[in-house]
Amino acid sequence: MIGYFITGTDTNVGKTYVTCALARRARVHGRKVFAFKPIETGCVRGADGDYVGADQELLVEAAGAWQQGPLRGLYRLPLAAAPLVAADAADTAIDLQHLVQSVRAAVDDHRPDLTLVEGAGGWRVPITSTADMAALAQQLAWPVVLVARAALGTINHTLLSLEAVERDGLTVAAVVMSRRPADDVDATASNRAEILRRWPGRVLVLSDTAAALDPLL
């Protein structure tokens, strides 16, 4: 089983887009995929009155729509804020150990070929008063996929995030630059080259085809 923790250089950089693309690409290769965003904020109530995480629903569909119940999200919180802030506003608390045990149990029970756990926000976003997103990734102990913008500002954010992940003792499997239609192709190439000049890892660019993600499979 291959497992990746998906984090981002910031919020709204394309983590869910990249995670979905990687899940779909794995399925093209015949892999069973478990794609999970255990904590999601900014959720809205569904027809049954329960909160629904829009990102998690996208992940479920990308993974083949087999996930049910808690595997469609453990903590779905209405306030669009950092998980700790959103949990406090909902008068609840996130149990990091329960979260990690739930992921491990799902892997044991369903035996996916590829497990993708997507964090909320970036590496230092707080989950509890004592733990941030890095703590979740450290508990899982899988390689990290760092999702970054392709446009202006990405060099600084990406290099700082890489430093933080590696300082926390985890391996970065790849940086994935999520290039949007309005992003300049030449600027993306330049940004990628500058990141590679400072960091000797794998930097992939996801734009028109998910085949760019094949090295992760």
C-alpha atoms as a PDB file:
ATOM      1  CA  MET A   1       0.000   0.000   0.000  1.00  0.00           C
ATOM      2  CA  ILE A   2       1.219   3.461  -0.927  1.00  0.00           C
ATOM      3  CA  GLY A   3       0.156   6.308   1.348  1.00  0.00           C
ATOM      4  CA  TYR A   4       0.583  10.047   0.926  1.00  0.00           C
ATOM      5  CA  PHE A   5      -0.299  12.993   3.117  1.00  0.00           C
ATOM      6  CA  ILE A   6      -1.393  15.899   0.927  1.00  0.00           C
ATOM      7  CA  THR A   7      -0.696  19.376   2.245  1.00  0.00           C
ATOM      8  CA  GLY A   8      -0.450  22.808   0.672  1.00  0.00           C
ATOM      9  CA  THR A   9       1.599  25.946   0.825  1.00  0.00           C
ATOM     10  CA  ASP A  10      -1.606  27.807   1.738  1.00  0.00           C
ATOM     11  CA  THR A  11      -5.363  27.425   1.567  1.00  0.00           C
ATOM     12  CA  ASN A  12      -7.043  27.303  -1.861  1.00  0.00           C
ATOM     13  CA  VAL A  13      -3.873  26.262  -3.669  1.00  0.00           C
ATOM     14  CA  GLY A  14      -5.507  23.224  -5.270  1.00  0.00           C
ATOM     15  CA  LYS A  15      -5.024  20.389  -2.734  1.00  0.00           C
ATOM     16  CA  THR A  16      -8.372  18.785  -3.478  1.00  0.00           C
ATOM     17  CA  TYR A  17      -7.882  19.221  -7.233  1.00  0.00           C
ATOM     18  CA  VAL A  18      -4.507  17.480  -7.061  1.00  0.00           C
ATOM     19  CA  THR A  19      -5.734  14.753  -4.697  1.00  0.00           C
ATOM     20  CA  CYS A  20      -8.697  14.004  -6.978  1.00  0.00           C
ATOM     21  CA  ALA A  21      -6.466  13.936 -10.045  1.00  0.00           C
ATOM     22  CA  LEU A  22      -4.071  11.529  -8.345  1.00  0.00           C
ATOM     23  CA  ALA A  23      -6.963   9.290  -7.244  1.00  0.00           C
ATOM     24  CA  ARG A  24      -8.462   9.175 -10.717  1.00  0.00           C
ATOM     25  CA  ARG A  25      -5.089   8.507 -12.299  1.00  0.00           C
ATOM     26  CA  ALA A  26      -4.457   5.628  -9.902  1.00  0.00           C
ATOM     27  CA  ARG A  27      -7.806   4.114 -10.826  1.00  0.00           C
ATOM     28  CA  VAL A  28      -6.874   4.346 -14.509  1.00  0.00           C
ATOM     29  CA  HIS A  29      -3.928   2.138 -13.562  1.00  0.00           C
ATOM     30  CA  GLY A  30      -6.274  -0.331 -11.854  1.00  0.00           C
ATOM     31  CA  ARG A  31      -5.552   0.678  -8.257  1.00  0.00           C
ATOM     32  CA  LYS A  32      -8.067   0.722  -5.419  1.00  0.00           C
ATOM     33  CA  VAL A  33      -7.988   4.186  -3.840  1.00  0.00           C
ATOM     34  CA  PHE A  34      -8.991   5.498  -0.426  1.00  0.00           C
ATOM     35  CA  ALA A  35      -9.135   9.309  -0.595  1.00  0.00           C
ATOM     36  CA  PHE A  36      -9.902  10.977   2.706  1.00  0.00           C
ATOM     37  CA  LYS A  37     -10.171  14.513   4.057  1.00  0.00           C
ATOM     38  CA  PRO A  38     -10.862  13.785   7.723  1.00  0.00           C
ATOM     39  CA  ILE A  39     -11.227  17.425   8.775  1.00  0.00           C
ATOM     40  CA  GLU A  40     -13.144  19.903   6.649  1.00  0.00           C
ATOM     41  CA  THR A  41     -14.387  23.343   7.570  1.00  0.00           C
ATOM     42  CA  GLY A  42     -16.863  25.592   5.784  1.00  0.00           C
ATOM     43  CA  CYS A  43     -19.320  22.695   5.475  1.00  0.00           C
ATOM     44  CA  VAL A  44     -23.056  23.112   4.815  1.00  0.00           C
ATOM     45  CA  ARG A  45     -26.003  20.996   5.901  1.00  0.00           C
ATOM     46  CA  GLY A  46     -27.229  18.365   3.479  1.00  0.00           C
ATOM     47  CA  ALA A  47     -30.773  17.131   2.910  1.00  0.00           C
ATOM     48  CA  ASP A  48     -30.548  14.833   5.945  1.00  0.00           C
ATOM     49  CA  GLY A  49     -29.483  17.673   8.223  1.00  0.00           C
ATOM     50  CA  ASP A  50     -25.880  16.503   8.600  1.00  0.00           C
ATOM     51  CA  TYR A  51     -22.978  18.650   7.506  1.00  0.00           C
ATOM     52  CA  VAL A  52     -21.444  17.721   4.163  1.00  0.00           C
ATOM     53  CA  GLY A  53     -17.878  18.439   3.140  1.00  0.00           C
ATOM     54  CA  ALA A  54     -17.755  19.495  -0.505  1.00  0.00           C
ATOM     55  CA  ASP A  55     -14.085  18.585  -0.860  1.00  0.00           C
ATOM     56  CA  GLN A  56     -14.557  15.154   0.693  1.00  0.00           C
ATOM     57  CA  GLU A  57     -17.462  14.429  -1.648  1.00  0.00           C
ATOM     58  CA  LEU A  58     -15.209  15.214  -4.606  1.00  0.00           C
ATOM     59  CA  LEU A  59     -12.570  12.877  -3.195  1.00  0.00           C
ATOM     60  CA  VAL A  60     -15.116  10.097  -2.707  1.00  0.00           C
ATOM     61  CA  GLU A  61     -16.219  10.323  -6.334  1.00  0.00           C
ATOM     62  CA  ALA A  62     -12.634  10.438  -7.577  1.00  0.00           C
ATOM     63  CA  ALA A  63     -11.820   7.301  -5.558  1.00  0.00           C
ATOM     64  CA  GLY A  64     -14.746   5.363  -7.028  1.00  0.00           C
ATOM     65  CA  ALA A  65     -17.630   6.290  -4.692  1.00  0.00           C
ATOM     66  CA  TRP A  66     -17.239   3.288  -2.376  1.00  0.00           C
ATOM     67  CA  GLN A  67     -16.602   5.198   0.865  1.00  0.00           C
ATOM     68  CA  GLN A  68     -19.511   5.501   3.282  1.00  0.00           C
ATOM     69  CA  GLY A  69     -20.226   6.821   6.785  1.00  0.00           C
ATOM     70  CA  PRO A  70     -17.190   8.179   8.662  1.00  0.00           C
ATOM     71  CA  LEU A  71     -15.040   7.492   5.595  1.00  0.00           C
ATOM     72  CA  ARG A  72     -16.783  10.472   4.021  1.00  0.00           C
ATOM     73  CA  GLY A  73     -15.311  12.768   6.691  1.00  0.00           C
ATOM     74  CA  LEU A  74     -14.870  12.544  10.446  1.00  0.00           C
ATOM     75  CA  TYR A  75     -15.017  16.230  11.376  1.00  0.00           C
ATOM     76  CA  ARG A  76     -17.289  18.381   9.220  1.00  0.00           C
ATOM     77  CA  LEU A  77     -17.492  21.861  10.680  1.00  0.00           C
ATOM     78  CA  PRO A  78     -19.581  24.828   9.479  1.00  0.00           C
ATOM     79  CA  LEU A  79     -17.236  27.744  10.154  1.00  0.00           C
ATOM     80  CA  ALA A  80     -14.782  28.418   7.319  1.00  0.00           C
ATOM     81  CA  ALA A  81     -11.708  28.755   9.524  1.00  0.00           C
ATOM     82  CA  ALA A  82      -8.741  26.788  10.810  1.00  0.00           C
ATOM     83  CA  PRO A  83      -9.850  23.426  12.282  1.00  0.00           C
ATOM     84  CA  LEU A  84      -9.190  24.461  15.902  1.00  0.00           C
ATOM     85  CA  VAL A  85     -11.127  27.701  15.466  1.00  0.00           C
ATOM     86  CA  ALA A  86     -13.991  25.963  13.646  1.00  0.00           C
ATOM     87  CA  ALA A  87     -14.156  23.209  16.267  1.00  0.00           C
ATOM     88  CA  ASP A  88     -14.250  25.740  19.106  1.00  0.00           C
ATOM     89  CA  ALA A  89     -17.063  27.614  17.345  1.00  0.00           C
ATOM     90  CA  ALA A  90     -19.017  24.350  17.073  1.00  0.00           C
ATOM     91  CA  ASP A  91     -18.381  23.572  20.763  1.00  0.00           C
ATOM     92  CA  THR A  92     -16.511  20.387  19.925  1.00  0.00           C
ATOM     93  CA  ALA A  93     -12.924  19.160  19.865  1.00  0.00           C
ATOM     94  CA  ILE A  94     -10.888  17.214  17.339  1.00  0.00           C
ATOM     95  CA  ASP A  95      -9.387  13.990  18.691  1.00  0.00           C
ATOM     96  CA  LEU A  96      -6.124  13.484  16.825  1.00  0.00           C
ATOM     97  CA  GLN A  97      -5.629   9.903  18.003  1.00  0.00           C
ATOM     98  CA  HIS A  98      -9.168   8.929  16.984  1.00  0.00           C
ATOM     99  CA  LEU A  99      -8.505  10.445  13.580  1.00  0.00           C
ATOM    100  CA  VAL A 100      -5.258   8.520  13.075  1.00  0.00           C
ATOM    101  CA  GLN A 101      -6.795   5.260  14.321  1.00  0.00           C
ATOM    102  CA  SER A 102      -9.728   5.716  11.930  1.00  0.00           C
ATOM    103  CA  VAL A 103      -7.383   6.065   8.961  1.00  0.00           C
ATOM    104  CA  ARG A 104      -5.379   3.000   9.974  1.00  0.00           C
ATOM    105  CA  ALA A 105      -8.540   0.953  10.550  1.00  0.00           C
ATOM    106  CA  ALA A 106      -9.878   1.920   7.121  1.00  0.00           C
ATOM    107  CA  VAL A 107      -6.613   0.838   5.504  1.00  0.00           C
ATOM    108  CA  ASP A 108      -6.676  -2.481   7.387  1.00  0.00           C
ATOM    109  CA  ASP A 109     -10.343  -3.147   6.618  1.00  0.00           C
ATOM    110  CA  HIS A 110     -10.475  -2.096   2.956  1.00  0.00           C
ATOM    111  CA  ARG A 111      -6.882  -2.733   1.839  1.00  0.00           C
ATOM    112  CA  PRO A 112      -6.524   0.052  -0.730  1.00  0.00           C
ATOM    113  CA  ASP A 113      -3.541   0.133  -3.047  1.00  0.00           C
ATOM    114  CA  LEU A 114      -3.264   3.891  -2.579  1.00  0.00           C
ATOM    115  CA  THR A 115      -4.348   5.985   0.408  1.00  0.00           C
ATOM    116  CA  LEU A 116      -4.502   9.765   0.128  1.00  0.00           C
ATOM    117  CA  VAL A 117      -5.130  11.818   3.261  1.00  0.00           C
ATOM    118  CA  GLU A 118      -5.686  15.497   2.537  1.00  0.00           C
ATOM    119  CA  GLY A 119      -5.023  18.032   5.245  1.00  0.00           C
ATOM    120  CA  ALA A 120      -6.950  21.249   5.791  1.00  0.00           C
ATOM    121  CA  GLY A 121      -5.024  24.392   4.911  1.00  0.00           C
ATOM    122  CA  GLY A 122      -1.258  24.375   5.253  1.00  0.00           C
ATOM    123  CA  TRP A 123       1.380  22.653   7.363  1.00  0.00           C
ATOM    124  CA  ARG A 124       1.079  24.833  10.465  1.00  0.00           C
ATOM    125  CA  VAL A 125      -2.707  25.131  10.610  1.00  0.00           C
ATOM    126  CA  PRO A 126      -3.847  24.246  14.167  1.00  0.00           C
ATOM    127  CA  ILE A 127      -5.982  21.162  14.779  1.00  0.00           C
ATOM    128  CA  THR A 128      -6.038  21.316  18.583  1.00  0.00           C
ATOM    129  CA  SER A 129      -4.502  23.658  21.132  1.00  0.00           C
ATOM    130  CA  THR A 130      -1.313  21.570  21.045  1.00  0.00           C
ATOM    131  CA  ALA A 131      -1.255  19.973  17.578  1.00  0.00           C
ATOM    132  CA  ASP A 132      -1.142  21.309  14.043  1.00  0.00           C
ATOM    133  CA  MET A 133      -1.504  19.642  10.640  1.00  0.00           C
ATOM    134  CA  ALA A 134       2.132  18.586  10.855  1.00  0.00           C
ATOM    135  CA  ALA A 135       1.297  16.459  13.905  1.00  0.00           C
ATOM    136  CA  LEU A 136      -1.297  14.523  11.898  1.00  0.00           C
ATOM    137  CA  ALA A 137       1.195  13.906   9.100  1.00  0.00           C
ATOM    138  CA  GLN A 138       3.845  12.805  11.607  1.00  0.00           C
ATOM    139  CA  GLN A 139       1.441  10.313  13.176  1.00  0.00           C
ATOM    140  CA  LEU A 140       0.663   8.793   9.787  1.00  0.00           C
ATOM    141  CA  ALA A 141       4.368   8.865   8.855  1.00  0.00           C
ATOM    142  CA  TRP A 142       3.782   8.749   5.100  1.00  0.00           C
ATOM    143  CA  PRO A 143       5.610  10.769   2.452  1.00  0.00           C
ATOM    144  CA  VAL A 144       4.177  14.229   1.899  1.00  0.00           C
ATOM    145  CA  VAL A 145       2.891  15.671  -1.359  1.00  0.00           C
ATOM    146  CA  LEU A 146       3.144  19.462  -1.190  1.00  0.00           C
ATOM    147  CA  VAL A 147       0.667  21.283  -3.434  1.00  0.00           C
ATOM    148  CA  ALA A 148       1.716  24.755  -4.547  1.00  0.00           C
ATOM    149  CA  ARG A 149       0.425  27.480  -6.789  1.00  0.00           C
ATOM    150  CA  ALA A 150       2.157  27.887 -10.127  1.00  0.00           C
ATOM    151  CA  ALA A 151       1.833  31.673 -10.155  1.00  0.00           C
ATOM    152  CA  LEU A 152       3.613  34.619  -8.530  1.00  0.00           C
ATOM    153  CA  GLY A 153       4.598  34.105  -4.888  1.00  0.00           C
ATOM    154  CA  THR A 154       4.962  30.355  -5.065  1.00  0.00           C
ATOM    155  CA  ILE A 155       8.763  30.222  -4.763  1.00  0.00           C
ATOM    156  CA  ASN A 156       8.853  31.690  -1.262  1.00  0.00           C
ATOM    157  CA  HIS A 157       5.806  29.791   0.022  1.00  0.00           C
ATOM    158  CA  THR A 158       6.994  26.508  -1.438  1.00  0.00           C
ATOM    159  CA  LEU A 159      10.552  26.702  -0.124  1.00  0.00           C
ATOM    160  CA  LEU A 160       9.383  27.706   3.363  1.00  0.00           C
ATOM    161  CA  SER A 161       6.892  24.823   3.425  1.00  0.00           C
ATOM    162  CA  LEU A 162       9.544  22.370   2.244  1.00  0.00           C
ATOM    163  CA  GLU A 163      11.873  23.522   5.017  1.00  0.00           C
ATOM    164  CA  ALA A 164       9.132  23.016   7.603  1.00  0.00           C
ATOM    165  CA  VAL A 165       8.124  19.544   6.413  1.00  0.00           C
ATOM    166  CA  GLU A 166      11.686  18.281   6.259  1.00  0.00           C
ATOM    167  CA  ARG A 167      12.604  19.871   9.594  1.00  0.00           C
ATOM    168  CA  ASP A 168       9.701  17.922  11.106  1.00  0.00           C
ATOM    169  CA  GLY A 169      11.327  14.694   9.910  1.00  0.00           C
ATOM    170  CA  LEU A 170       9.118  13.753   6.981  1.00  0.00           C
ATOM    171  CA  THR A 171      10.012  13.013   3.369  1.00  0.00           C
ATOM    172  CA  VAL A 172       8.525  15.091   0.572  1.00  0.00           C
ATOM    173  CA  ALA A 173       7.594  12.770  -2.287  1.00  0.00           C
ATOM    174  CA  ALA A 174       6.960  15.685  -4.627  1.00  0.00           C
ATOM    175  CA  VAL A 175       5.917  19.266  -4.989  1.00  0.00           C
ATOM    176  CA  VAL A 176       2.932  19.475  -7.313  1.00  0.00           C
ATOM    177  CA  MET A 177       2.386  22.881  -8.874  1.00  0.00           C
ATOM    178  CA  SER A 178      -1.294  23.270  -9.714  1.00  0.00           C
ATOM    179  CA  ARG A 179      -1.306  25.370 -12.869  1.00  0.00           C
ATOM    180  CA  ARG A 180      -4.641  27.036 -13.580  1.00  0.00           C
ATOM    181  CA  PRO A 181      -5.829  28.092 -17.046  1.00  0.00           C
ATOM    182  CA  ALA A 182      -5.007  31.751 -16.424  1.00  0.00           C
ATOM    183  CA  ASP A 183      -1.456  31.006 -15.227  1.00  0.00           C
ATOM    184  CA  ASP A 184       1.366  31.893 -17.578  1.00  0.00           C
ATOM    185  CA  VAL A 185       3.161  28.796 -18.873  1.00  0.00           C
ATOM    186  CA  ASP A 186       6.580  30.460 -19.020  1.00  0.00           C
ATOM    187  CA  ALA A 187       6.211  31.855 -15.501  1.00  0.00           C
ATOM    188  CA  THR A 188       5.284  28.394 -14.251  1.00  0.00           C
ATOM    189  CA  ALA A 189       8.400  26.921 -15.851  1.00  0.00           C
ATOM    190  CA  SER A 190      10.549  29.665 -14.338  1.00  0.00           C
ATOM    191  CA  ASN A 191       9.050  29.149 -10.879  1.00  0.00           C
ATOM    192  CA  ARG A 192       9.627  25.408 -11.134  1.00  0.00           C
ATOM    193  CA  ALA A 193      13.250  25.948 -12.164  1.00  0.00           C
ATOM    194  CA  GLU A 194      13.877  28.295  -9.234  1.00  0.00           C
ATOM    195  CA  ILE A 195      12.418  25.822  -6.740  1.00  0.00           C
ATOM    196  CA  LEU A 196      14.552  23.027  -8.197  1.00  0.00           C
ATOM    197  CA  ARG A 197      17.619  25.247  -7.940  1.00  0.00           C
ATOM    198  CA  ARG A 198      17.115  25.383  -4.166  1.00  0.00           C
ATOM    199  CA  TRP A 199      15.571  21.965  -3.483  1.00  0.00           C
ATOM    200  CA  PRO A 200      16.839  18.660  -4.967  1.00  0.00           C
ATOM    201  CA  GLY A 201      13.502  16.886  -5.159  1.00  0.00           C
ATOM    202  CA  ARG A 202      10.716  16.191  -7.619  1.00  0.00           C
ATOM    203  CA  VAL A 203       8.598  19.112  -8.838  1.00  0.00           C
ATOM    204  CA  LEU A 204       5.629  18.148 -11.004  1.00  0.00           C
ATOM    205  CA  VAL A 205       3.275  20.478 -12.870  1.00  0.00           C
ATOM    206  CA  LEU A 206      -0.376  19.467 -13.071  1.00  0.00           C
ATOM    207  CA  SER A 207      -2.291  21.274 -15.770  1.00  0.00           C
ATOM    208  CA  ASP A 208      -4.088  19.587 -18.663  1.00  0.00           C
ATOM    209  CA  THR A 209      -3.359  15.926 -17.963  1.00  0.00           C
ATOM    210  CA  ALA A 210      -3.107  13.896 -14.776  1.00  0.00           C
ATOM    211  CA  ALA A 211      -0.418  11.767 -16.412  1.00  0.00           C
ATOM    212  CA  ALA A 212       2.036  14.283 -14.922  1.00  0.00           C
ATOM    213  CA  LEU A 213       1.336  12.591 -11.575  1.00  0.00           C
ATOM    214  CA  ASP A 214       2.360   9.110 -12.705  1.00  0.00           C
ATOM    215  CA  PRO A 215       5.768   9.300 -10.946  1.00  0.00           C
ATOM    216  CA  LEU A 216       3.859   9.184  -7.638  1.00  0.00           C
ATOM    217  CA  LEU A 217       2.229   5.888  -8.595  1.00  0.00           C
END
